[in-house]
Amino acid sequence: MAQDVNKTIEELKSKMAILMSMYSVQKSQNEQLKKDNEELKQTINKQQNSIDELEQKVNTLQLAKAVSDSSSSGDKSARKYIEGIVREIDSCIALLNK
């Protein structure tokens, strides 16, 4: 009987050691995944900032092209573009006044 109890205790100790080892591995993997996740978030933020800058450059180039275009259709497109910018500014001012 005492031998069975000792055997059971040893089995439990062995299983506990295995569980502790598995926990340690999972914990380190979790930490690495959190680190990778944070790095990916930073990369996304950098790329989003780059996209925003490029969109602003595209808008500037479109405005410059529309203004420099001397044809009558260019005048209309420049006017539409400027009116769009003015509407955007007006909506921003309205939001700030709320």
PDB file of N, CA and C in Angstrom:
ATOM      1  N   MET A   1       0.827  -1.192   0.000  1.00  0.00           N
ATOM      2  CA  MET A   1       0.000   0.000   0.000  1.00  0.00           C
ATOM      3  C   MET A   1       0.876   1.262   0.000  1.00  0.00           C
ATOM      4  N   ALA A   2       1.887   1.317   0.863  1.00  0.00           N
ATOM      5  CA  ALA A   2       2.775   2.470   0.938  1.00  0.00           C
ATOM      6  C   ALA A   2       3.543   2.617  -0.367  1.00  0.00           C
ATOM      7  N   GLN A   3       3.848   1.472  -0.963  1.00  0.00           N
ATOM      8  CA  GLN A   3       4.558   1.505  -2.244  1.00  0.00           C
ATOM      9  C   GLN A   3       3.678   2.103  -3.335  1.00  0.00           C
ATOM     10  N   ASP A   4       2.396   1.799  -3.335  1.00  0.00           N
ATOM     11  CA  ASP A   4       1.464   2.367  -4.312  1.00  0.00           C
ATOM     12  C   ASP A   4       1.348   3.879  -4.136  1.00  0.00           C
ATOM     13  N   VAL A   5       1.300   4.327  -2.890  1.00  0.00           N
ATOM     14  CA  VAL A   5       1.205   5.753  -2.610  1.00  0.00           C
ATOM     15  C   VAL A   5       2.468   6.456  -3.083  1.00  0.00           C
ATOM     16  N   ASN A   6       3.634   5.876  -2.795  1.00  0.00           N
ATOM     17  CA  ASN A   6       4.901   6.469  -3.224  1.00  0.00           C
ATOM     18  C   ASN A   6       4.992   6.511  -4.752  1.00  0.00           C
ATOM     19  N   LYS A   7       4.524   5.452  -5.387  1.00  0.00           N
ATOM     20  CA  LYS A   7       4.543   5.393  -6.856  1.00  0.00           C
ATOM     21  C   LYS A   7       3.626   6.480  -7.432  1.00  0.00           C
ATOM     22  N   THR A   8       2.464   6.651  -6.839  1.00  0.00           N
ATOM     23  CA  THR A   8       1.510   7.668  -7.297  1.00  0.00           C
ATOM     24  C   THR A   8       2.090   9.065  -7.098  1.00  0.00           C
ATOM     25  N   ILE A   9       2.743   9.275  -5.969  1.00  0.00           N
ATOM     26  CA  ILE A   9       3.358  10.574  -5.697  1.00  0.00           C
ATOM     27  C   ILE A   9       4.456  10.861  -6.719  1.00  0.00           C
ATOM     28  N   GLU A  10       5.260   9.872  -7.025  1.00  0.00           N
ATOM     29  CA  GLU A  10       6.336  10.046  -8.006  1.00  0.00           C
ATOM     30  C   GLU A  10       5.767  10.341  -9.393  1.00  0.00           C
ATOM     31  N   GLU A  11       4.690   9.668  -9.747  1.00  0.00           N
ATOM     32  CA  GLU A  11       4.040   9.928 -11.035  1.00  0.00           C
ATOM     33  C   GLU A  11       3.502  11.364 -11.085  1.00  0.00           C
ATOM     34  N   LEU A  12       2.898  11.796  -9.987  1.00  0.00           N
ATOM     35  CA  LEU A  12       2.383  13.161  -9.912  1.00  0.00           C
ATOM     36  C   LEU A  12       3.514  14.182 -10.031  1.00  0.00           C
ATOM     37  N   LYS A  13       4.630  13.915  -9.351  1.00  0.00           N
ATOM     38  CA  LYS A  13       5.787  14.811  -9.426  1.00  0.00           C
ATOM     39  C   LYS A  13       6.302  14.878 -10.863  1.00  0.00           C
ATOM     40  N   SER A  14       6.343  13.733 -11.519  1.00  0.00           N
ATOM     41  CA  SER A  14       6.814  13.681 -12.903  1.00  0.00           C
ATOM     42  C   SER A  14       5.880  14.468 -13.819  1.00  0.00           C
ATOM     43  N   LYS A  15       4.597  14.272 -13.636  1.00  0.00           N
ATOM     44  CA  LYS A  15       3.618  14.987 -14.454  1.00  0.00           C
ATOM     45  C   LYS A  15       3.661  16.485 -14.171  1.00  0.00           C
ATOM     46  N   MET A  16       3.873  16.874 -12.903  1.00  0.00           N
ATOM     47  CA  MET A  16       3.996  18.293 -12.542  1.00  0.00           C
ATOM     48  C   MET A  16       5.208  18.914 -13.226  1.00  0.00           C
ATOM     49  N   ALA A  17       6.301  18.171 -13.260  1.00  0.00           N
ATOM     50  CA  ALA A  17       7.515  18.683 -13.894  1.00  0.00           C
ATOM     51  C   ALA A  17       7.279  18.890 -15.389  1.00  0.00           C
ATOM     52  N   ILE A  18       6.582  17.953 -16.006  1.00  0.00           N
ATOM     53  CA  ILE A  18       6.268  18.079 -17.432  1.00  0.00           C
ATOM     54  C   ILE A  18       5.362  19.286 -17.664  1.00  0.00           C
ATOM     55  N   LEU A  19       4.343  19.448 -16.828  1.00  0.00           N
ATOM     56  CA  LEU A  19       3.438  20.591 -16.953  1.00  0.00           C
ATOM     57  C   LEU A  19       4.174  21.914 -16.756  1.00  0.00           C
ATOM     58  N   MET A  20       5.061  21.977 -15.785  1.00  0.00           N
ATOM     59  CA  MET A  20       5.834  23.196 -15.538  1.00  0.00           C
ATOM     60  C   MET A  20       6.706  23.518 -16.745  1.00  0.00           C
ATOM     61  N   SER A  21       7.290  22.500 -17.331  1.00  0.00           N
ATOM     62  CA  SER A  21       8.123  22.699 -18.517  1.00  0.00           C
ATOM     63  C   SER A  21       7.286  23.204 -19.688  1.00  0.00           C
ATOM     64  N   MET A  22       6.123  22.606 -19.892  1.00  0.00           N
ATOM     65  CA  MET A  22       5.238  23.022 -20.977  1.00  0.00           C
ATOM     66  C   MET A  22       4.756  24.455 -20.744  1.00  0.00           C
ATOM     67  N   TYR A  23       4.458  24.802 -19.490  1.00  0.00           N
ATOM     68  CA  TYR A  23       4.026  26.154 -19.154  1.00  0.00           C
ATOM     69  C   TYR A  23       5.123  27.156 -19.486  1.00  0.00           C
ATOM     70  N   SER A  24       6.338  26.825 -19.141  1.00  0.00           N
ATOM     71  CA  SER A  24       7.465  27.714 -19.403  1.00  0.00           C
ATOM     72  C   SER A  24       7.634  27.956 -20.903  1.00  0.00           C
ATOM     73  N   VAL A  25       7.512  26.901 -21.692  1.00  0.00           N
ATOM     74  CA  VAL A  25       7.636  27.021 -23.145  1.00  0.00           C
ATOM     75  C   VAL A  25       6.515  27.898 -23.695  1.00  0.00           C
ATOM     76  N   GLN A  26       5.298  27.662 -23.255  1.00  0.00           N
ATOM     77  CA  GLN A  26       4.150  28.440 -23.726  1.00  0.00           C
ATOM     78  C   GLN A  26       4.285  29.910 -23.332  1.00  0.00           C
ATOM     79  N   LYS A  27       4.786  30.146 -22.121  1.00  0.00           N
ATOM     80  CA  LYS A  27       4.956  31.513 -21.646  1.00  0.00           C
ATOM     81  C   LYS A  27       5.980  32.252 -22.507  1.00  0.00           C
ATOM     82  N   SER A  28       7.075  31.608 -22.833  1.00  0.00           N
ATOM     83  CA  SER A  28       8.092  32.265 -23.664  1.00  0.00           C
ATOM     84  C   SER A  28       7.576  32.492 -25.086  1.00  0.00           C
ATOM     85  N   GLN A  29       6.804  31.541 -25.610  1.00  0.00           N
ATOM     86  CA  GLN A  29       6.211  31.729 -26.934  1.00  0.00           C
ATOM     87  C   GLN A  29       5.231  32.898 -26.919  1.00  0.00           C
ATOM     88  N   ASN A  30       4.456  33.008 -25.877  1.00  0.00           N
ATOM     89  CA  ASN A  30       3.486  34.096 -25.741  1.00  0.00           C
ATOM     90  C   ASN A  30       4.197  35.442 -25.699  1.00  0.00           C
ATOM     91  N   GLU A  31       5.277  35.533 -24.951  1.00  0.00           N
ATOM     92  CA  GLU A  31       6.051  36.772 -24.879  1.00  0.00           C
ATOM     93  C   GLU A  31       6.622  37.142 -26.239  1.00  0.00           C
ATOM     94  N   GLN A  32       7.115  36.143 -26.969  1.00  0.00           N
ATOM     95  CA  GLN A  32       7.671  36.403 -28.301  1.00  0.00           C
ATOM     96  C   GLN A  32       6.577  36.881 -29.257  1.00  0.00           C
ATOM     97  N   LEU A  33       5.401  36.271 -29.170  1.00  0.00           N
ATOM     98  CA  LEU A  33       4.290  36.678 -30.027  1.00  0.00           C
ATOM     99  C   LEU A  33       3.840  38.101 -29.706  1.00  0.00           C
ATOM    100  N   LYS A  34       3.839  38.454 -28.436  1.00  0.00           N
ATOM    101  CA  LYS A  34       3.486  39.819 -28.057  1.00  0.00           C
ATOM    102  C   LYS A  34       4.501  40.811 -28.620  1.00  0.00           C
ATOM    103  N   LYS A  35       5.768  40.454 -28.563  1.00  0.00           N
ATOM    104  CA  LYS A  35       6.827  41.312 -29.099  1.00  0.00           C
ATOM    105  C   LYS A  35       6.672  41.460 -30.613  1.00  0.00           C
ATOM    106  N   ASP A  36       6.436  40.342 -31.297  1.00  0.00           N
ATOM    107  CA  ASP A  36       6.227  40.379 -32.751  1.00  0.00           C
ATOM    108  C   ASP A  36       5.012  41.231 -33.102  1.00  0.00           C
ATOM    109  N   ASN A  37       3.955  41.091 -32.338  1.00  0.00           N
ATOM    110  CA  ASN A  37       2.727  41.850 -32.565  1.00  0.00           C
ATOM    111  C   ASN A  37       2.997  43.351 -32.448  1.00  0.00           C
ATOM    112  N   GLU A  38       3.743  43.742 -31.422  1.00  0.00           N
ATOM    113  CA  GLU A  38       4.055  45.157 -31.224  1.00  0.00           C
ATOM    114  C   GLU A  38       4.898  45.684 -32.392  1.00  0.00           C
ATOM    115  N   GLU A  39       5.860  44.901 -32.845  1.00  0.00           N
ATOM    116  CA  GLU A  39       6.680  45.312 -33.982  1.00  0.00           C
ATOM    117  C   GLU A  39       5.831  45.478 -35.243  1.00  0.00           C
ATOM    118  N   LEU A  40       4.887  44.573 -35.443  1.00  0.00           N
ATOM    119  CA  LEU A  40       4.008  44.663 -36.609  1.00  0.00           C
ATOM    120  C   LEU A  40       3.105  45.892 -36.525  1.00  0.00           C
ATOM    121  N   LYS A  41       2.643  46.212 -35.331  1.00  0.00           N
ATOM    122  CA  LYS A  41       1.823  47.414 -35.161  1.00  0.00           C
ATOM    123  C   LYS A  41       2.625  48.661 -35.505  1.00  0.00           C
ATOM    124  N   GLN A  42       3.888  48.693 -35.083  1.00  0.00           N
ATOM    125  CA  GLN A  42       4.742  49.831 -35.397  1.00  0.00           C
ATOM    126  C   GLN A  42       4.974  49.935 -36.901  1.00  0.00           C
ATOM    127  N   THR A  43       5.168  48.793 -37.547  1.00  0.00           N
ATOM    128  CA  THR A  43       5.350  48.783 -38.997  1.00  0.00           C
ATOM    129  C   THR A  43       4.109  49.299 -39.702  1.00  0.00           C
ATOM    130  N   ILE A  44       2.949  48.877 -39.235  1.00  0.00           N
ATOM    131  CA  ILE A  44       1.682  49.348 -39.823  1.00  0.00           C
ATOM    132  C   ILE A  44       1.557  50.852 -39.661  1.00  0.00           C
ATOM    133  N   ASN A  45       1.900  51.363 -38.481  1.00  0.00           N
ATOM    134  CA  ASN A  45       1.808  52.805 -38.259  1.00  0.00           C
ATOM    135  C   ASN A  45       2.746  53.569 -39.191  1.00  0.00           C
ATOM    136  N   LYS A  46       3.960  53.078 -39.360  1.00  0.00           N
ATOM    137  CA  LYS A  46       4.907  53.727 -40.262  1.00  0.00           C
ATOM    138  C   LYS A  46       4.384  53.714 -41.691  1.00  0.00           C
ATOM    139  N   GLN A  47       3.843  52.578 -42.117  1.00  0.00           N
ATOM    140  CA  GLN A  47       3.326  52.477 -43.478  1.00  0.00           C
ATOM    141  C   GLN A  47       2.102  53.366 -43.666  1.00  0.00           C
ATOM    142  N   GLN A  48       1.261  53.471 -42.649  1.00  0.00           N
ATOM    143  CA  GLN A  48       0.093  54.347 -42.747  1.00  0.00           C
ATOM    144  C   GLN A  48       0.524  55.796 -42.864  1.00  0.00           C
ATOM    145  N   ASN A  49       1.544  56.182 -42.089  1.00  0.00           N
ATOM    146  CA  ASN A  49       2.067  57.544 -42.193  1.00  0.00           C
ATOM    147  C   ASN A  49       2.629  57.802 -43.587  1.00  0.00           C
ATOM    148  N   SER A  50       3.311  56.811 -44.132  1.00  0.00           N
ATOM    149  CA  SER A  50       3.860  56.938 -45.481  1.00  0.00           C
ATOM    150  C   SER A  50       2.743  57.074 -46.510  1.00  0.00           C
ATOM    151  N   ILE A  51       1.692  56.298 -46.353  1.00  0.00           N
ATOM    152  CA  ILE A  51       0.540  56.382 -47.262  1.00  0.00           C
ATOM    153  C   ILE A  51      -0.088  57.764 -47.187  1.00  0.00           C
ATOM    154  N   ASP A  52      -0.248  58.276 -45.962  1.00  0.00           N
ATOM    155  CA  ASP A  52      -0.838  59.603 -45.799  1.00  0.00           C
ATOM    156  C   ASP A  52       0.008  60.677 -46.480  1.00  0.00           C
ATOM    157  N   GLU A  53       1.324  60.581 -46.318  1.00  0.00           N
ATOM    158  CA  GLU A  53       2.214  61.547 -46.964  1.00  0.00           C
ATOM    159  C   GLU A  53       2.115  61.451 -48.486  1.00  0.00           C
ATOM    160  N   LEU A  54       2.080  60.229 -48.995  1.00  0.00           N
ATOM    161  CA  LEU A  54       1.987  60.049 -50.448  1.00  0.00           C
ATOM    162  C   LEU A  54       0.654  60.555 -50.992  1.00  0.00           C
ATOM    163  N   GLU A  55      -0.416  60.330 -50.247  1.00  0.00           N
ATOM    164  CA  GLU A  55      -1.725  60.844 -50.683  1.00  0.00           C
ATOM    165  C   GLU A  55      -1.718  62.370 -50.720  1.00  0.00           C
ATOM    166  N   GLN A  56      -1.076  62.971 -49.735  1.00  0.00           N
ATOM    167  CA  GLN A  56      -0.989  64.423 -49.710  1.00  0.00           C
ATOM    168  C   GLN A  56      -0.173  64.926 -50.909  1.00  0.00           C
ATOM    169  N   LYS A  57       0.899  64.218 -51.239  1.00  0.00           N
ATOM    170  CA  LYS A  57       1.704  64.606 -52.398  1.00  0.00           C
ATOM    171  C   LYS A  57       0.908  64.462 -53.691  1.00  0.00           C
ATOM    172  N   VAL A  58       0.130  63.386 -53.784  1.00  0.00           N
ATOM    173  CA  VAL A  58      -0.703  63.183 -54.979  1.00  0.00           C
ATOM    174  C   VAL A  58      -1.706  64.321 -55.111  1.00  0.00           C
ATOM    175  N   ASN A  59      -2.338  64.681 -54.004  1.00  0.00           N
ATOM    176  CA  ASN A  59      -3.306  65.784 -54.041  1.00  0.00           C
ATOM    177  C   ASN A  59      -2.642  67.085 -54.456  1.00  0.00           C
ATOM    178  N   THR A  60      -1.452  67.322 -53.935  1.00  0.00           N
ATOM    179  CA  THR A  60      -0.715  68.535 -54.293  1.00  0.00           C
ATOM    180  C   THR A  60      -0.367  68.536 -55.771  1.00  0.00           C
ATOM    181  N   LEU A  61       0.086  67.402 -56.270  1.00  0.00           N
ATOM    182  CA  LEU A  61       0.421  67.300 -57.689  1.00  0.00           C
ATOM    183  C   LEU A  61      -0.805  67.459 -58.574  1.00  0.00           C
ATOM    184  N   GLN A  62      -1.933  66.905 -58.139  1.00  0.00           N
ATOM    185  CA  GLN A  62      -3.164  67.058 -58.912  1.00  0.00           C
ATOM    186  C   GLN A  62      -3.581  68.522 -58.957  1.00  0.00           C
ATOM    187  N   LEU A  63      -3.453  69.204 -57.848  1.00  0.00           N
ATOM    188  CA  LEU A  63      -3.801  70.622 -57.801  1.00  0.00           C
ATOM    189  C   LEU A  63      -2.854  71.415 -58.692  1.00  0.00           C
ATOM    190  N   ALA A  64      -1.562  71.119 -58.606  1.00  0.00           N
ATOM    191  CA  ALA A  64      -0.588  71.832 -59.435  1.00  0.00           C
ATOM    192  C   ALA A  64      -0.861  71.591 -60.912  1.00  0.00           C
ATOM    193  N   LYS A  65      -1.208  70.369 -61.271  1.00  0.00           N
ATOM    194  CA  LYS A  65      -1.504  70.047 -62.665  1.00  0.00           C
ATOM    195  C   LYS A  65      -2.765  70.781 -63.119  1.00  0.00           C
ATOM    196  N   ALA A  66      -3.780  70.771 -62.249  1.00  0.00           N
ATOM    197  CA  ALA A  66      -5.043  71.418 -62.610  1.00  0.00           C
ATOM    198  C   ALA A  66      -4.850  72.917 -62.770  1.00  0.00           C
ATOM    199  N   VAL A  67      -4.047  73.507 -61.912  1.00  0.00           N
ATOM    200  CA  VAL A  67      -3.827  74.948 -61.987  1.00  0.00           C
ATOM    201  C   VAL A  67      -2.980  75.294 -63.204  1.00  0.00           C
ATOM    202  N   SER A  68      -1.987  74.470 -63.501  1.00  0.00           N
ATOM    203  CA  SER A  68      -1.097  74.777 -64.617  1.00  0.00           C
ATOM    204  C   SER A  68      -1.710  74.459 -65.982  1.00  0.00           C
ATOM    205  N   ASP A  69      -2.752  73.650 -65.970  1.00  0.00           N
ATOM    206  CA  ASP A  69      -3.406  73.300 -67.235  1.00  0.00           C
ATOM    207  C   ASP A  69      -4.152  74.532 -67.756  1.00  0.00           C
ATOM    208  N   SER A  70      -3.804  74.970 -68.933  1.00  0.00           N
ATOM    209  CA  SER A  70      -4.370  76.228 -69.439  1.00  0.00           C
ATOM    210  C   SER A  70      -5.647  76.029 -70.251  1.00  0.00           C
ATOM    211  N   SER A  71      -6.025  74.779 -70.481  1.00  0.00           N
ATOM    212  CA  SER A  71      -7.241  74.564 -71.263  1.00  0.00           C
ATOM    213  C   SER A  71      -8.472  74.862 -70.412  1.00  0.00           C
ATOM    214  N   SER A  72      -9.593  75.064 -71.051  1.00  0.00           N
ATOM    215  CA  SER A  72     -10.820  75.404 -70.324  1.00  0.00           C
ATOM    216  C   SER A  72     -11.262  74.269 -69.414  1.00  0.00           C
ATOM    217  N   SER A  73     -11.029  73.025 -69.826  1.00  0.00           N
ATOM    218  CA  SER A  73     -11.398  71.908 -68.955  1.00  0.00           C
ATOM    219  C   SER A  73     -10.492  71.880 -67.730  1.00  0.00           C
ATOM    220  N   GLY A  74      -9.260  72.335 -67.890  1.00  0.00           N
ATOM    221  CA  GLY A  74      -8.351  72.409 -66.750  1.00  0.00           C
ATOM    222  C   GLY A  74      -8.818  73.427 -65.744  1.00  0.00           C
ATOM    223  N   ASP A  75      -9.343  74.550 -66.229  1.00  0.00           N
ATOM    224  CA  ASP A  75      -9.860  75.569 -65.325  1.00  0.00           C
ATOM    225  C   ASP A  75     -11.034  75.028 -64.523  1.00  0.00           C
ATOM    226  N   LYS A  76     -11.881  74.247 -65.199  1.00  0.00           N
ATOM    227  CA  LYS A  76     -13.035  73.670 -64.500  1.00  0.00           C
ATOM    228  C   LYS A  76     -12.575  72.659 -63.449  1.00  0.00           C
ATOM    229  N   SER A  77     -11.597  71.819 -63.804  1.00  0.00           N
ATOM    230  CA  SER A  77     -11.142  70.815 -62.837  1.00  0.00           C
ATOM    231  C   SER A  77     -10.422  71.473 -61.671  1.00  0.00           C
ATOM    232  N   ALA A  78      -9.668  72.547 -61.945  1.00  0.00           N
ATOM    233  CA  ALA A  78      -8.996  73.267 -60.860  1.00  0.00           C
ATOM    234  C   ALA A  78     -10.029  73.896 -59.933  1.00  0.00           C
ATOM    235  N   ARG A  79     -11.051  74.475 -60.529  1.00  0.00           N
ATOM    236  CA  ARG A  79     -12.111  75.095 -59.735  1.00  0.00           C
ATOM    237  C   ARG A  79     -12.820  74.049 -58.874  1.00  0.00           C
ATOM    238  N   LYS A  80     -13.132  72.875 -59.461  1.00  0.00           N
ATOM    239  CA  LYS A  80     -13.803  71.817 -58.710  1.00  0.00           C
ATOM    240  C   LYS A  80     -12.916  71.335 -57.561  1.00  0.00           C
ATOM    241  N   TYR A  81     -11.638  71.186 -57.848  1.00  0.00           N
ATOM    242  CA  TYR A  81     -10.713  70.715 -56.829  1.00  0.00           C
ATOM    243  C   TYR A  81     -10.618  71.714 -55.677  1.00  0.00           C
ATOM    244  N   ILE A  82     -10.487  72.985 -56.009  1.00  0.00           N
ATOM    245  CA  ILE A  82     -10.384  74.026 -54.983  1.00  0.00           C
ATOM    246  C   ILE A  82     -11.684  74.121 -54.194  1.00  0.00           C
ATOM    247  N   GLU A  83     -12.815  74.010 -54.872  1.00  0.00           N
ATOM    248  CA  GLU A  83     -14.106  74.033 -54.175  1.00  0.00           C
ATOM    249  C   GLU A  83     -14.216  72.855 -53.213  1.00  0.00           C
ATOM    250  N   GLY A  84     -13.692  71.706 -53.628  1.00  0.00           N
ATOM    251  CA  GLY A  84     -13.699  70.534 -52.744  1.00  0.00           C
ATOM    252  C   GLY A  84     -12.854  70.775 -51.497  1.00  0.00           C
ATOM    253  N   ILE A  85     -11.703  71.404 -51.698  1.00  0.00           N
ATOM    254  CA  ILE A  85     -10.844  71.709 -50.555  1.00  0.00           C
ATOM    255  C   ILE A  85     -11.535  72.704 -49.627  1.00  0.00           C
ATOM    256  N   VAL A  86     -12.178  73.711 -50.200  1.00  0.00           N
ATOM    257  CA  VAL A  86     -12.876  74.706 -49.391  1.00  0.00           C
ATOM    258  C   VAL A  86     -14.007  74.045 -48.593  1.00  0.00           C
ATOM    259  N   ARG A  87     -14.754  73.130 -49.225  1.00  0.00           N
ATOM    260  CA  ARG A  87     -15.824  72.419 -48.503  1.00  0.00           C
ATOM    261  C   ARG A  87     -15.239  71.607 -47.343  1.00  0.00           C
ATOM    262  N   GLU A  88     -14.109  70.973 -47.594  1.00  0.00           N
ATOM    263  CA  GLU A  88     -13.464  70.177 -46.555  1.00  0.00           C
ATOM    264  C   GLU A  88     -13.037  71.063 -45.387  1.00  0.00           C
ATOM    265  N   ILE A  89     -12.465  72.205 -45.701  1.00  0.00           N
ATOM    266  CA  ILE A  89     -12.041  73.145 -44.660  1.00  0.00           C
ATOM    267  C   ILE A  89     -13.257  73.644 -43.885  1.00  0.00           C
ATOM    268  N   ASP A  90     -14.334  73.974 -44.594  1.00  0.00           N
ATOM    269  CA  ASP A  90     -15.556  74.441 -43.936  1.00  0.00           C
ATOM    270  C   ASP A  90     -16.102  73.381 -42.981  1.00  0.00           C
ATOM    271  N   SER A  91     -16.082  72.112 -43.402  1.00  0.00           N
ATOM    272  CA  SER A  91     -16.601  71.056 -42.539  1.00  0.00           C
ATOM    273  C   SER A  91     -15.708  70.878 -41.305  1.00  0.00           C
ATOM    274  N   CYS A  92     -14.407  71.045 -41.482  1.00  0.00           N
ATOM    275  CA  CYS A  92     -13.500  70.955 -40.342  1.00  0.00           C
ATOM    276  C   CYS A  92     -13.753  72.097 -39.363  1.00  0.00           C
ATOM    277  N   ILE A  93     -13.950  73.277 -39.875  1.00  0.00           N
ATOM    278  CA  ILE A  93     -14.234  74.438 -39.016  1.00  0.00           C
ATOM    279  C   ILE A  93     -15.560  74.229 -38.283  1.00  0.00           C
ATOM    280  N   ALA A  94     -16.543  73.695 -38.988  1.00  0.00           N
ATOM    281  CA  ALA A  94     -17.843  73.438 -38.350  1.00  0.00           C
ATOM    282  C   ALA A  94     -17.685  72.430 -37.219  1.00  0.00           C
ATOM    283  N   LEU A  95     -16.866  71.398 -37.428  1.00  0.00           N
ATOM    284  CA  LEU A  95     -16.655  70.408 -36.376  1.00  0.00           C
ATOM    285  C   LEU A  95     -15.926  71.024 -35.182  1.00  0.00           C
ATOM    286  N   LEU A  96     -14.979  71.913 -35.459  1.00  0.00           N
ATOM    287  CA  LEU A  96     -14.249  72.564 -34.371  1.00  0.00           C
ATOM    288  C   LEU A  96     -15.140  73.502 -33.560  1.00  0.00           C
ATOM    289  N   ASN A  97     -16.123  74.079 -34.210  1.00  0.00           N
ATOM    290  CA  ASN A  97     -17.018  75.009 -33.519  1.00  0.00           C
ATOM    291  C   ASN A  97     -18.033  74.308 -32.632  1.00  0.00           C
ATOM    292  N   LYS A  98     -18.234  73.014 -32.841  1.00  0.00           N
ATOM    293  CA  LYS A  98     -19.225  72.269 -32.035  1.00  0.00           C
ATOM    294  C   LYS A  98     -18.759  72.113 -30.659  1.00  0.00           C
TER     295      LYS A  98
END
